């Protein structure tokens, strides 16, 4: 009985993969415009050396238009920047 259930499950999964088709990497590439804004606070570690901590947020518009991958999606990401003008880093 258990072997029959395993065979049925394997058959169902196999048919699902066959019927769904294949996804190619090119189908998942998103090219477009991302408008963003960074908001946070800068800390002066020493003269000419700043450390910024905050977040970046914005919206993405895909070049392929409405209904395409990530079109009109909103993004919010934590961020930091270490700016050392003394050592040009």
C-alpha atoms as a PDB file:
ATOM      1  CA  UNK A   1       0.000   0.000   0.000  1.00  0.00           C
ATOM      2  CA  UNK A   2       2.795   2.443   0.881  1.00  0.00           C
ATOM      3  CA  UNK A   3       4.652   1.779  -2.386  1.00  0.00           C
ATOM      4  CA  UNK A   4       1.496   2.562  -4.333  1.00  0.00           C
ATOM      5  CA  UNK A   5       1.155   5.950  -2.594  1.00  0.00           C
ATOM      6  CA  UNK A   6       4.813   6.777  -3.326  1.00  0.00           C
ATOM      7  CA  UNK A   7       4.349   5.849  -6.997  1.00  0.00           C
ATOM      8  CA  UNK A   8       1.206   7.970  -7.243  1.00  0.00           C
ATOM      9  CA  UNK A   9       3.009  10.923  -5.672  1.00  0.00           C
ATOM     10  CA  UNK A  10       6.022  10.532  -7.983  1.00  0.00           C
ATOM     11  CA  UNK A  11       3.733  10.308 -11.020  1.00  0.00           C
ATOM     12  CA  UNK A  12       1.799  13.415  -9.975  1.00  0.00           C
ATOM     13  CA  UNK A  13       4.979  15.443  -9.455  1.00  0.00           C
ATOM     14  CA  UNK A  14       6.450  14.235 -12.766  1.00  0.00           C
ATOM     15  CA  UNK A  15       3.311  15.139 -14.723  1.00  0.00           C
ATOM     16  CA  UNK A  16       3.188  18.542 -13.045  1.00  0.00           C
ATOM     17  CA  UNK A  17       6.740  19.266 -14.156  1.00  0.00           C
ATOM     18  CA  UNK A  18       6.053  18.082 -17.697  1.00  0.00           C
ATOM     19  CA  UNK A  19       2.844  20.081 -18.085  1.00  0.00           C
ATOM     20  CA  UNK A  20       4.223  23.295 -16.573  1.00  0.00           C
ATOM     21  CA  UNK A  21       7.028  23.555 -19.105  1.00  0.00           C
ATOM     22  CA  UNK A  22      10.521  24.881 -18.641  1.00  0.00           C
ATOM     23  CA  UNK A  23      11.578  28.237 -17.224  1.00  0.00           C
ATOM     24  CA  UNK A  24      14.696  29.808 -18.663  1.00  0.00           C
ATOM     25  CA  UNK A  25      16.972  32.276 -16.920  1.00  0.00           C
ATOM     26  CA  UNK A  26      16.199  34.896 -19.580  1.00  0.00           C
ATOM     27  CA  UNK A  27      12.550  34.835 -18.497  1.00  0.00           C
ATOM     28  CA  UNK A  28      13.530  36.074 -15.028  1.00  0.00           C
ATOM     29  CA  UNK A  29      15.766  38.987 -16.026  1.00  0.00           C
ATOM     30  CA  UNK A  30      14.292  42.328 -15.099  1.00  0.00           C
ATOM     31  CA  UNK A  31      15.541  45.432 -16.895  1.00  0.00           C
ATOM     32  CA  UNK A  32      14.085  48.807 -16.157  1.00  0.00           C
ATOM     33  CA  UNK A  33      14.272  51.921 -14.016  1.00  0.00           C
ATOM     34  CA  UNK A  34      14.635  52.028 -10.235  1.00  0.00           C
ATOM     35  CA  UNK A  35      14.018  55.379  -8.555  1.00  0.00           C
ATOM     36  CA  UNK A  36      15.246  55.346  -4.969  1.00  0.00           C
ATOM     37  CA  UNK A  37      15.778  57.533  -1.923  1.00  0.00           C
ATOM     38  CA  UNK A  38      18.209  56.977   0.942  1.00  0.00           C
ATOM     39  CA  UNK A  39      17.215  58.137   4.422  1.00  0.00           C
ATOM     40  CA  UNK A  40      19.391  57.743   7.481  1.00  0.00           C
ATOM     41  CA  UNK A  41      21.915  59.288   9.823  1.00  0.00           C
ATOM     42  CA  UNK A  42      25.623  60.010   9.337  1.00  0.00           C
ATOM     43  CA  UNK A  43      28.075  59.652  12.198  1.00  0.00           C
ATOM     44  CA  UNK A  44      31.444  61.389  12.114  1.00  0.00           C
ATOM     45  CA  UNK A  45      34.035  58.891  13.338  1.00  0.00           C
ATOM     46  CA  UNK A  46      36.884  61.358  12.827  1.00  0.00           C
ATOM     47  CA  UNK A  47      37.408  64.414  10.646  1.00  0.00           C
ATOM     48  CA  UNK A  48      36.899  63.267   7.029  1.00  0.00           C
ATOM     49  CA  UNK A  49      35.569  59.833   8.023  1.00  0.00           C
ATOM     50  CA  UNK A  50      31.783  59.319   8.077  1.00  0.00           C
ATOM     51  CA  UNK A  51      29.645  56.253   8.645  1.00  0.00           C
ATOM     52  CA  UNK A  52      26.058  56.391   7.347  1.00  0.00           C
ATOM     53  CA  UNK A  53      23.296  54.006   8.490  1.00  0.00           C
ATOM     54  CA  UNK A  54      19.767  54.035   7.113  1.00  0.00           C
ATOM     55  CA  UNK A  55      17.521  52.571   4.463  1.00  0.00           C
ATOM     56  CA  UNK A  56      16.975  52.804   0.732  1.00  0.00           C
ATOM     57  CA  UNK A  57      13.443  52.696  -0.639  1.00  0.00           C
ATOM     58  CA  UNK A  58      11.881  53.194  -4.022  1.00  0.00           C
ATOM     59  CA  UNK A  59       9.922  51.747  -6.912  1.00  0.00           C
ATOM     60  CA  UNK A  60      10.912  49.701  -9.957  1.00  0.00           C
ATOM     61  CA  UNK A  61       9.392  50.032 -13.436  1.00  0.00           C
ATOM     62  CA  UNK A  62      10.151  47.178 -15.847  1.00  0.00           C
ATOM     63  CA  UNK A  63      10.978  48.089 -19.469  1.00  0.00           C
ATOM     64  CA  UNK A  64       8.644  45.312 -20.681  1.00  0.00           C
ATOM     65  CA  UNK A  65       5.625  47.106 -19.201  1.00  0.00           C
ATOM     66  CA  UNK A  66       2.523  46.125 -17.293  1.00  0.00           C
ATOM     67  CA  UNK A  67       2.376  42.596 -15.917  1.00  0.00           C
ATOM     68  CA  UNK A  68       6.105  41.930 -16.344  1.00  0.00           C
ATOM     69  CA  UNK A  69       8.503  40.777 -13.639  1.00  0.00           C
ATOM     70  CA  UNK A  70       8.737  43.246 -10.708  1.00  0.00           C
ATOM     71  CA  UNK A  71       6.914  46.000 -12.639  1.00  0.00           C
ATOM     72  CA  UNK A  72       5.551  48.710 -10.303  1.00  0.00           C
ATOM     73  CA  UNK A  73       7.035  46.932  -7.271  1.00  0.00           C
ATOM     74  CA  UNK A  74       8.135  48.768  -4.145  1.00  0.00           C
ATOM     75  CA  UNK A  75      11.433  48.065  -2.389  1.00  0.00           C
ATOM     76  CA  UNK A  76      12.828  48.847   1.046  1.00  0.00           C
ATOM     77  CA  UNK A  77      16.340  47.768   2.029  1.00  0.00           C
ATOM     78  CA  UNK A  78      18.620  48.507   4.987  1.00  0.00           C
ATOM     79  CA  UNK A  79      21.909  50.134   4.075  1.00  0.00           C
ATOM     80  CA  UNK A  80      25.192  51.562   5.288  1.00  0.00           C
ATOM     81  CA  UNK A  81      28.113  53.485   3.819  1.00  0.00           C
ATOM     82  CA  UNK A  82      31.605  53.954   5.206  1.00  0.00           C
ATOM     83  CA  UNK A  83      33.065  57.115   3.631  1.00  0.00           C
ATOM     84  CA  UNK A  84      36.713  57.845   4.449  1.00  0.00           C
ATOM     85  CA  UNK A  85      37.926  60.865   2.456  1.00  0.00           C
ATOM     86  CA  UNK A  86      41.231  60.859   4.366  1.00  0.00           C
ATOM     87  CA  UNK A  87      42.254  57.566   2.741  1.00  0.00           C
ATOM     88  CA  UNK A  88      40.114  58.007  -0.402  1.00  0.00           C
ATOM     89  CA  UNK A  89      37.906  54.998   0.458  1.00  0.00           C
END
